[in-house]
Protein backbone atom coordinates (compact mmCIF):
# COMPACT_ATOMS: atom_id res chain seq x y z
CA MET A 1 61.26 120.57 90.94
CA ARG A 2 63.70 118.47 92.77
CA THR A 3 61.60 119.28 95.80
CA TRP A 4 58.53 118.20 94.25
CA VAL A 5 59.87 115.36 93.02
CA ALA A 6 61.68 114.28 96.34
CA GLY A 7 58.37 114.54 98.16
CA ARG A 8 56.64 112.61 95.52
CA LEU A 9 59.17 110.04 96.45
CA HIS A 10 58.89 110.21 100.25
CA ARG A 11 55.48 109.68 99.77
CA SER A 12 55.21 106.55 97.65
CA ALA A 13 57.54 105.24 99.73
CA LEU A 14 55.54 105.78 102.74
CA LEU A 15 52.19 104.58 101.07
CA VAL A 16 54.68 100.88 100.29
CA ASN A 17 55.51 100.53 104.33
CA VAL A 18 51.94 101.49 105.11
CA VAL A 19 50.22 98.46 102.98
CA GLY A 20 53.31 96.09 103.54
CA VAL A 21 52.32 96.91 106.94
CA VAL A 22 48.63 96.37 106.90
CA LEU A 23 48.75 93.19 104.16
CA GLY A 24 51.62 91.36 106.77
CA GLY A 25 49.15 91.90 109.80
CA LEU A 26 46.09 90.37 107.71
CA VAL A 27 48.17 87.38 106.63
CA VAL A 28 49.19 86.65 110.46
CA VAL A 29 45.51 87.00 111.66
CA ALA A 30 44.48 84.50 109.03
CA ALA A 31 47.10 82.18 109.58
CA THR A 32 46.60 82.41 113.11
CA TRP A 33 43.04 81.76 112.86
CA GLY A 34 43.75 79.11 110.67
CA LEU A 35 45.67 77.26 112.82
CA LEU A 36 43.25 77.54 115.63
CA ARG A 37 40.04 76.23 113.15
CA LEU A 38 42.72 73.03 112.52
CA LEU A 39 44.21 72.50 115.56
CA LEU A 40 41.83 73.52 117.47
CA GLY A 41 38.41 72.66 115.67
CA VAL A 42 37.33 76.45 116.18
CA HIS A 43 34.55 76.68 113.90
CA SER A 44 33.12 79.92 113.51
CA GLU A 45 29.69 81.09 113.20
CA PRO A 46 27.59 83.69 110.90
CA PRO A 47 28.62 86.66 112.92
CA ASN A 48 25.66 89.12 113.33
CA GLN A 49 25.71 93.48 112.88
CA LEU A 50 27.20 93.93 116.02
CA ASP A 51 30.35 91.50 115.57
CA LEU A 52 30.29 92.90 112.48
CA THR A 53 31.02 96.38 113.50
CA LYS A 54 33.69 94.84 115.92
CA ILE A 55 35.26 93.36 113.36
CA ALA A 56 35.29 96.62 111.41
CA LEU A 57 36.29 98.63 114.16
CA SER A 58 39.42 96.56 115.55
CA VAL A 59 40.15 96.23 111.92
CA THR A 60 40.56 100.09 110.97
CA ALA A 61 42.11 100.76 114.41
CA GLY A 62 44.99 97.98 113.70
CA ILE A 63 45.83 99.23 109.79
CA GLY A 64 45.69 103.12 111.99
CA GLY A 65 48.13 102.11 114.51
CA ALA A 66 50.07 100.49 111.74
CA VAL A 67 50.16 103.47 110.13
CA ALA A 68 50.83 105.39 113.15
CA LEU A 69 54.22 103.01 113.82
CA VAL A 70 55.26 103.75 109.89
CA VAL A 71 55.01 107.39 110.10
CA ALA A 72 56.89 107.44 113.90
CA TYR A 73 59.81 105.38 112.38
CA ARG A 74 60.26 107.49 109.33
CA ARG A 75 60.22 110.55 111.20
CA GLN A 76 62.26 109.38 113.64
CA ARG A 77 64.52 108.33 110.81
CA ASP A 78 64.45 111.47 108.96
CA ASN A 79 65.10 113.75 112.51
CA GLU A 80 68.19 111.22 112.73
CA ARG A 81 69.42 111.93 109.31
CA GLY A 82 68.95 115.48 109.67
CA ARG A 83 70.65 115.65 113.01
CA PHE A 84 73.60 113.69 112.24
CA ALA A 85 73.93 116.39 108.78
CA GLU A 86 74.14 119.61 111.17
CA LEU A 87 76.43 117.48 113.99
CA PHE A 88 78.81 116.58 111.29
CA GLY A 89 78.67 119.84 109.04
CA ALA A 90 79.29 122.01 112.57
CA ALA A 91 82.35 119.26 113.03
CA ALA A 92 83.84 119.73 109.66
CA LYS A 93 83.70 123.77 109.76
CA GLN A 94 85.71 123.79 113.38
CA LEU A 95 88.04 121.74 111.54
CA GLY A 96 88.73 124.15 108.97
CA ASP A 97 88.60 127.30 111.21
CA PRO A 98 92.18 129.34 111.30
CA ASP A 99 91.98 129.49 115.19
CA VAL A 100 94.13 126.17 116.09
CA ALA A 101 91.76 125.55 119.34
CA VAL A 102 88.43 125.47 117.25
CA ARG A 103 90.11 122.74 114.81
CA ILE A 104 91.44 121.18 117.80
CA ALA A 105 87.97 121.36 118.95
CA GLY A 106 86.59 120.17 115.60
CA VAL A 107 88.35 116.77 115.73
CA TYR A 108 86.98 115.82 119.57
CA ALA A 109 83.61 116.91 117.88
CA MET A 110 83.74 115.01 114.70
CA ALA A 111 85.38 111.45 116.72
CA GLY A 112 82.02 113.06 119.03
CA VAL A 113 79.55 112.08 115.44
CA ALA A 114 81.54 109.02 114.82
CA ASP A 115 80.54 107.69 118.31
CA GLU A 116 76.95 108.57 118.66
CA PHE A 117 76.39 107.38 115.12
CA SER A 118 77.73 104.08 114.28
CA ALA A 119 76.11 102.90 111.39
CA PRO A 120 79.56 102.19 108.84
CA ALA A 121 78.53 104.42 106.40
CA ARG A 122 78.31 107.31 108.65
CA ARG A 123 81.32 106.79 110.75
CA GLN A 124 83.38 105.54 107.55
CA GLN A 125 82.22 109.16 106.48
CA CYS A 126 83.51 111.12 109.92
CA VAL A 127 86.97 108.83 109.89
CA ASP A 128 87.16 109.91 106.36
CA VAL A 129 87.39 113.48 107.13
CA LEU A 130 89.59 113.03 110.05
CA CYS A 131 92.35 111.31 107.58
CA GLY A 132 91.54 114.19 104.74
CA TYR A 133 92.86 116.29 107.21
CA LEU A 134 95.85 114.74 107.61
CA ARG A 135 96.59 114.66 103.52
CA LEU A 136 96.19 118.10 103.59
CA PRO A 137 99.28 119.72 101.76
CA PHE A 138 101.74 120.25 105.26
CA ASP A 139 105.25 121.76 105.91
CA PRO A 140 106.71 120.55 109.40
CA ALA A 141 108.58 123.38 109.38
CA ASP A 142 105.57 125.83 109.46
CA GLY A 143 103.36 123.64 111.58
CA GLY A 144 104.72 124.92 114.95
CA ASN A 145 104.29 127.92 114.64
CA HIS A 146 102.09 130.71 115.24
CA LEU A 147 101.95 132.48 111.82
CA THR A 148 98.99 132.59 109.14
CA THR A 149 100.94 133.79 106.02
CA ARG A 150 104.66 133.42 104.48
CA LYS A 151 105.94 135.46 102.59
CA SER A 152 108.97 135.17 100.26
CA ARG A 153 110.05 136.69 97.12
CA ARG A 154 112.10 135.08 93.77
CA THR A 155 113.35 136.92 90.81
CA ALA A 156 112.21 135.37 87.21
CA ASP A 157 113.24 137.24 83.71
CA GLY A 158 114.78 139.94 86.06
CA THR A 159 111.42 141.08 87.92
CA GLU A 160 111.11 140.44 91.35
CA HIS A 161 108.06 139.13 92.80
CA GLU A 162 106.36 138.45 96.23
CA GLU A 163 104.47 135.56 96.99
CA THR A 164 102.38 134.93 100.43
CA PHE A 165 101.67 131.55 101.32
CA GLY A 166 98.56 130.77 104.03
CA ILE A 167 99.48 129.00 107.00
CA ARG A 168 97.50 127.06 109.23
CA GLN A 169 98.90 128.26 112.51
CA ASN A 170 100.06 125.85 115.54
CA ASP A 171 98.75 122.77 112.63
CA SER A 172 101.04 120.17 114.16
CA ARG A 173 99.05 120.24 117.42
CA VAL A 174 96.10 119.39 115.27
CA ARG A 175 97.34 116.39 113.17
CA ARG A 176 98.66 115.22 116.42
CA THR A 177 95.39 115.33 118.13
CA ILE A 178 94.12 113.94 115.41
CA VAL A 179 96.47 110.60 114.94
CA ALA A 180 96.03 110.36 118.70
CA VAL A 181 91.98 110.09 118.81
CA ILE A 182 92.64 107.75 115.64
CA VAL A 183 94.58 105.53 117.85
CA ARG A 184 92.62 105.84 120.97
CA HIS A 185 89.84 104.15 118.89
CA LEU A 186 92.11 101.46 117.13
CA ARG A 187 93.07 99.90 120.41
CA PRO A 188 91.57 96.81 122.18
CA GLY A 189 89.02 98.02 124.94
CA ALA A 190 88.13 100.94 122.76
CA GLU A 191 84.39 102.01 124.28
CA ASN A 192 83.86 102.70 120.55
CA SER A 193 85.94 101.10 118.06
CA TRP A 194 86.26 102.40 114.88
CA SER A 195 88.65 98.91 113.79
CA ASP A 196 86.70 97.92 110.84
CA CYS A 197 86.83 101.76 109.43
CA ASN A 198 89.01 101.76 105.81
CA PHE A 199 92.46 104.42 106.67
CA ASN A 200 93.48 106.30 103.84
CA PHE A 201 96.21 108.14 104.98
CA GLU A 202 97.67 108.34 101.39
CA ASP A 203 100.34 111.27 100.97
CA ALA A 204 99.93 112.57 104.84
CA VAL A 205 102.44 114.00 106.31
CA LEU A 206 102.90 112.06 110.37
CA GLU A 207 105.38 113.60 113.17
CA ASP A 208 106.34 111.13 115.79
CA ALA A 209 103.30 109.20 115.32
CA ASP A 210 102.65 106.54 117.46
CA PHE A 211 100.31 103.66 116.83
CA ARG A 212 101.57 101.22 119.31
CA PHE A 213 98.80 98.36 119.81
CA ALA A 214 96.18 99.75 117.08
CA VAL A 215 94.07 96.88 115.46
CA PHE A 216 93.49 98.21 111.37
CA ALA A 217 90.95 95.24 110.48
CA GLY A 218 88.93 97.23 107.84
CA ARG A 219 89.27 96.02 103.91
CA HIS A 220 91.91 98.93 102.97
CA THR A 221 94.76 100.61 105.59
CA HIS A 222 96.47 103.09 102.95
CA PHE A 223 100.22 104.93 104.00
CA ARG A 224 101.35 104.94 100.39
CA GLY A 225 103.21 107.84 99.35
CA ALA A 226 102.88 109.00 103.32
CA ARG A 227 106.15 110.85 104.93
CA PHE A 228 107.00 109.84 108.23
CA VAL A 229 108.99 112.55 109.87
CA GLY A 230 109.65 114.16 113.75
CA THR A 231 112.40 114.04 116.53
CA ARG A 232 111.99 110.98 117.96
CA LEU A 233 110.16 107.60 116.58
CA THR A 234 107.94 106.36 114.85
CA ASN A 235 106.26 103.54 116.31
CA PHE A 236 104.13 101.10 115.19
CA SER A 237 105.27 98.82 117.61
CA GLN A 238 102.47 95.28 118.40
CA VAL A 239 100.14 96.64 115.67
CA ARG A 240 97.78 94.32 114.28
CA PHE A 241 97.00 95.23 110.34
CA VAL A 242 94.15 92.13 109.51
CA GLY A 243 92.60 93.61 106.60
CA ARG A 244 92.68 92.97 103.00
CA HIS A 245 95.35 95.22 101.47
CA ILE A 246 97.98 97.00 103.54
CA SER A 247 99.89 99.43 101.44
CA PHE A 248 102.86 101.44 102.65
CA HIS A 249 103.90 101.65 98.69
CA SER A 250 106.96 104.55 98.01
CA ALA A 251 106.22 105.84 102.15
CA ARG A 252 109.36 107.28 103.59
CA PHE A 253 110.54 106.57 107.09
CA GLU A 254 113.28 109.51 107.65
CA GLN A 255 113.30 109.13 111.43
CA PRO A 256 113.65 106.13 113.49
CA VAL A 257 110.79 103.27 112.78
CA TRP A 258 109.61 100.08 114.73
CA PHE A 259 107.77 97.60 114.19
CA GLN A 260 108.36 95.52 117.18
CA ALA A 261 106.13 92.09 117.02
CA THR A 262 103.97 93.95 114.20
CA ARG A 263 101.38 91.58 112.81
CA PHE A 264 100.64 91.84 109.01
CA VAL A 265 98.20 88.95 108.85
CA SER A 266 95.30 89.23 106.74
CA ASP A 267 91.98 87.63 107.78
CA PRO A 268 91.34 84.87 106.43
CA SER A 269 87.74 86.05 105.35
CA SER A 270 89.03 88.60 103.32
CA ASN A 271 91.51 86.75 101.27
CA SER A 272 89.91 86.63 98.17
CA ASP A 273 93.05 87.99 95.93
CA LEU A 274 90.55 89.34 92.71
CA ASP A 275 92.67 92.06 91.83
CA GLY A 276 95.98 90.93 92.74
CA ARG A 277 96.47 93.82 95.18
CA SER A 278 95.77 92.07 98.34
CA GLY A 279 98.69 91.30 101.07
CA VAL A 280 101.02 93.54 102.48
CA SER A 281 103.30 96.27 100.39
CA PHE A 282 106.26 98.10 101.38
CA LYS A 283 107.37 98.70 97.88
CA ARG A 284 109.14 101.43 96.52
CA ALA A 285 109.00 102.43 100.41
CA VAL A 286 112.57 104.36 101.96
CA PHE A 287 113.72 103.85 105.35
CA THR A 288 116.85 106.68 106.15
CA ALA A 289 117.34 105.72 110.05
CA GLU A 290 117.24 102.66 112.12
CA THR A 291 114.11 100.21 110.88
CA ASN A 292 113.23 97.60 113.62
CA PHE A 293 111.15 94.89 112.34
CA GLU A 294 112.04 92.40 115.39
CA GLY A 295 109.15 89.54 115.91
CA ALA A 296 107.04 90.74 113.27
CA GLU A 297 104.96 88.37 111.43
CA PHE A 298 103.44 88.59 107.95
CA GLY A 299 101.03 86.21 106.74
CA GLY A 300 98.30 86.33 103.54
CA PRO A 301 98.70 86.26 99.90
CA ARG A 302 101.77 88.13 99.56
CA VAL A 303 104.23 90.45 101.44
CA ARG A 304 106.78 92.70 98.93
CA PHE A 305 109.47 95.03 100.19
CA THR A 306 110.47 95.33 96.13
CA ASP A 307 112.54 97.95 95.39
CA ALA A 308 112.93 98.93 99.01
CA THR A 309 115.60 101.01 100.69
CA PHE A 310 116.73 100.36 103.50
CA ALA A 311 119.05 102.74 104.81
CA GLY A 312 119.12 103.27 107.91
CA ALA A 313 122.64 102.66 110.51
CA GLU A 314 120.80 99.41 111.97
CA THR A 315 117.83 97.37 110.32
CA ALA A 316 116.67 94.09 112.26
CA PHE A 317 113.91 91.86 111.39
CA THR A 318 115.92 89.38 113.83
CA GLY A 319 113.37 86.59 114.93
CA ALA A 320 110.70 87.78 112.30
CA ARG A 321 108.06 85.05 110.74
CA PHE A 322 106.72 85.67 106.93
CA HIS A 323 104.80 83.09 105.59
CA ALA A 324 102.78 84.51 103.10
CA ASP A 325 102.26 82.66 99.85
CA LEU A 326 105.23 84.90 98.16
CA VAL A 327 107.85 87.00 99.98
CA SER A 328 109.63 89.29 97.77
CA PHE A 329 113.04 91.89 98.50
CA GLN A 330 113.35 91.96 95.32
CA ASP A 331 115.65 94.61 94.04
CA ALA A 332 115.44 95.93 97.29
CA THR A 333 119.01 97.95 98.85
CA PHE A 334 120.47 97.33 102.50
CA THR A 335 123.11 99.84 103.47
CA GLY A 336 124.09 101.25 106.87
CA ALA A 337 126.45 99.51 109.27
CA GLY A 338 124.01 96.37 110.05
CA VAL A 339 121.20 94.33 108.69
CA ARG A 340 120.12 91.63 110.64
CA PHE A 341 117.97 88.48 109.52
CA SER A 342 119.00 86.54 112.66
CA GLU A 343 116.75 83.56 113.67
CA THR A 344 114.24 84.78 111.06
CA SER A 345 111.55 82.53 109.59
CA PHE A 346 110.54 82.38 105.84
CA GLU A 347 108.05 79.74 104.93
CA GLY A 348 106.13 81.24 102.15
CA ARG A 349 105.94 78.94 98.82
CA ARG A 350 107.98 81.89 97.22
CA ILE A 351 110.74 83.93 98.47
CA SER A 352 112.76 86.23 96.30
CA PHE A 353 115.87 88.23 97.05
CA ALA A 354 116.49 88.39 93.40
CA GLY A 355 118.57 91.35 92.18
CA THR A 356 118.75 92.27 96.23
CA GLY A 357 121.96 94.48 97.02
CA PHE A 358 123.20 93.61 100.48
CA ARG A 359 125.93 96.36 101.08
CA ALA A 360 125.77 96.71 104.66
CA LEU A 361 129.01 96.33 106.62
CA ARG A 362 127.80 93.08 108.07
CA THR A 363 124.74 91.24 107.30
CA ALA A 364 123.63 88.42 108.88
CA PHE A 365 121.01 85.55 108.07
CA ASP A 366 122.40 83.31 111.06
CA ASP A 367 120.12 80.77 112.84
CA ALA A 368 117.23 81.68 109.98
CA ARG A 369 115.69 79.00 107.87
CA LEU A 370 114.92 80.02 104.42
CA GLY A 371 112.06 77.92 102.97
CA GLY A 372 110.25 75.25 104.42
CA ARG A 373 108.90 71.52 103.80
CA GLY A 374 105.34 70.66 103.13
CA ARG A 375 103.27 70.25 106.33
CA LEU A 376 99.81 69.81 106.88
CA ARG A 377 97.68 72.73 105.30
CA ARG A 378 101.12 74.29 104.42
CA PRO A 379 102.64 73.48 101.19
CA SER A 380 106.67 73.42 100.52
CA THR A 381 108.49 76.14 99.50
CA ASN A 382 108.73 76.01 95.51
CA GLU A 383 111.94 78.29 95.29
CA ILE A 384 114.17 80.66 97.14
CA ASP A 385 115.43 83.03 94.71
CA PHE A 386 118.40 84.87 95.01
CA ARG A 387 119.50 85.54 91.25
CA GLY A 388 121.48 88.43 90.68
CA ALA A 389 121.74 89.04 94.21
CA GLN A 390 125.01 91.53 94.98
CA PHE A 391 126.54 89.98 98.61
CA ARG A 392 129.11 92.67 99.90
CA ASN A 393 132.00 93.18 103.18
CA SER A 394 130.28 90.78 105.17
CA VAL A 395 127.80 88.51 104.68
CA SER A 396 126.84 85.65 107.38
CA PHE A 397 124.70 82.55 106.70
CA ALA A 398 126.06 80.99 109.53
CA ASP A 399 123.64 77.87 111.00
CA THR A 400 121.24 78.84 108.54
CA VAL A 401 118.94 75.79 107.09
CA VAL A 402 117.93 76.60 103.27
CA ASP A 403 115.22 74.69 102.42
CA GLY A 404 112.50 73.18 100.40
CA LYS A 405 112.38 72.09 96.34
CA SER A 406 114.96 74.80 94.85
CA ALA A 407 117.31 77.65 96.37
CA ASP A 408 119.24 79.45 93.35
CA PHE A 409 122.16 81.74 93.73
CA SER A 410 123.25 81.80 90.12
CA GLY A 411 124.42 84.92 88.67
CA ALA A 412 124.78 86.32 92.18
CA ASP A 413 128.00 88.82 93.27
CA PHE A 414 129.73 87.83 96.17
CA ALA A 415 132.70 89.94 97.67
CA GLY A 416 133.97 90.02 100.84
CA ASP A 417 133.74 88.10 103.81
CA ILE A 418 130.98 85.66 102.71
CA SER A 419 130.29 83.24 105.05
CA PHE A 420 127.99 79.64 104.24
CA ARG A 421 129.84 78.05 107.16
CA ARG A 422 127.35 75.07 109.21
CA THR A 423 124.95 76.09 106.72
CA ARG A 424 122.28 73.88 106.20
CA PHE A 425 121.26 73.12 102.48
CA ASP A 426 118.82 70.68 102.80
CA ALA A 427 116.99 71.97 99.53
CA ARG A 428 116.56 69.79 96.91
CA ALA A 429 118.22 71.79 94.34
CA VAL A 430 120.73 74.06 95.46
CA SER A 431 122.62 76.18 92.63
CA PHE A 432 125.42 78.98 92.48
CA ASP A 433 126.13 78.67 89.03
CA ALA A 434 127.89 81.85 86.66
CA PRO A 435 128.22 83.98 89.80
CA VAL A 436 129.38 87.73 88.87
CA ALA A 437 131.89 87.10 91.39
CA TRP A 438 133.35 84.80 93.65
CA ASP A 439 135.62 86.79 96.34
CA GLY A 440 136.06 85.58 99.81
CA VAL A 441 133.12 83.04 100.28
CA PHE A 442 133.90 80.13 102.49
CA THR A 443 131.83 76.76 102.52
CA ASP A 444 132.13 74.11 104.97
CA TRP A 445 133.92 71.62 102.27
CA ASP A 446 135.98 74.66 101.64
CA ALA A 447 137.17 74.83 105.35
CA GLU A 448 137.12 70.89 104.89
CA PRO A 449 138.77 69.54 102.39
CA GLU A 450 137.75 65.87 103.78
CA ARG A 451 134.34 66.81 103.41
CA ARG A 452 132.54 66.72 100.20
CA GLN A 453 130.64 69.00 98.31
CA PRO A 454 127.12 67.78 98.37
CA GLY A 455 125.93 65.98 95.07
CA HIS A 456 122.49 68.55 94.93
CA ILE A 457 124.55 71.66 94.85
CA THR A 458 125.80 72.68 91.55
CA PRO A 459 128.32 73.43 89.73
CA GLU A 460 129.80 70.34 89.98
CA VAL A 461 133.19 71.60 89.62
CA TRP A 462 134.37 74.13 92.35
CA PRO A 463 134.58 76.88 92.98
CA PRO A 464 132.28 77.84 90.32
CA VAL A 465 133.32 79.20 87.32
CA THR A 466 132.90 83.14 87.38
CA GLY A 467 131.89 85.33 84.21
CA GLY A 468 131.97 81.72 81.76
CA GLY A 469 136.15 81.89 82.77
CA ALA A 470 137.96 78.51 83.71
CA PRO A 471 137.79 77.65 87.74
CA GLN A 472 139.72 79.81 90.07
């Protein structure tokens, strides 16, 4: 029944195409004849029988040619569809083969199908299969061996059970090949670029992933829940993310990771924010080793490191530039030996470090710029929010510029060596009201009694009252 219906639909579509071509040709002939009569004064004479015969044969030949062209086009399109289905199916079958060599061949075969069939939907289908392979369950401990099964014993309720687990032999090699093939097609100058495709690496396990110089220009690039593991380095240096939604939400970086000079800047044509998800998200991401965002650029509607954990020995945002409308490190946690925001620029409308825990041995905002005045095509920063933040150990804001409409440090917890020496508080209003603790904080007017506390900085009674008690 389905075959009969499909055949009827196919023939109906063909008939519509033929009729459309014939009618279009008749319209063109009629329009041409009308223009000749109008512009050149060509007049028709009553045709004789021979002329009518010639005209009829010409029209018949034209209709036949039109039908032949339509039929040839449809046949070519159907052949192309069939060839795509055949090659796609063969490559997918290779990717599911138990033998590692066959699976690697399947990776290159699938990439070849994506290159040959450049229609966006078909190329996206091939990319989805490669990304889908990376999202399959994977244990790095089993990924590099030649075993195909693993057995384990466990005891439950006094009964011993033996379990057998299937293992994809040497799967690490296949996964590394997939990443290498994808990156090769994302770098500038690629013969067949896949940059406009969407990439979904959600929950994937990526070993020593090297994405350097790649360009992700699809609407969605997702690394949500991905695990970055290995023995060397995860490298996103000089990558360009220019799509609408870039997500590293809940990603885990279990080895050093570099985002040096990486650009997270949305394409202006994709900045519609209908679902509130546009922008860059590292929400709840966990960085357990050295993290390097030096010289990175963050633009678009929002950049979120909300609830992120930076637990590596060193975390560096040195020289980074944040100019997204919203930049949020709210409730993030920084530990380790050192955190550097030196020479970093924050110029968005709202900048939030509310509830952030700065607990590293040393945290430096030296020479940074927090907030900015309004300029051509760029509004001023409305709010710099450090409310409830926790400053521990050594924290320096030396030579930092705090600008914009307001900067709020109220309710923060200061304990250690907290330096605001040579800090320029250029914001219209700055608040240090009601700190939880005020221990080891130094400002220019503390160090130099002859200097007065600026009038736009509150509270008026200095040092600030902690916990509602008397001034210290």
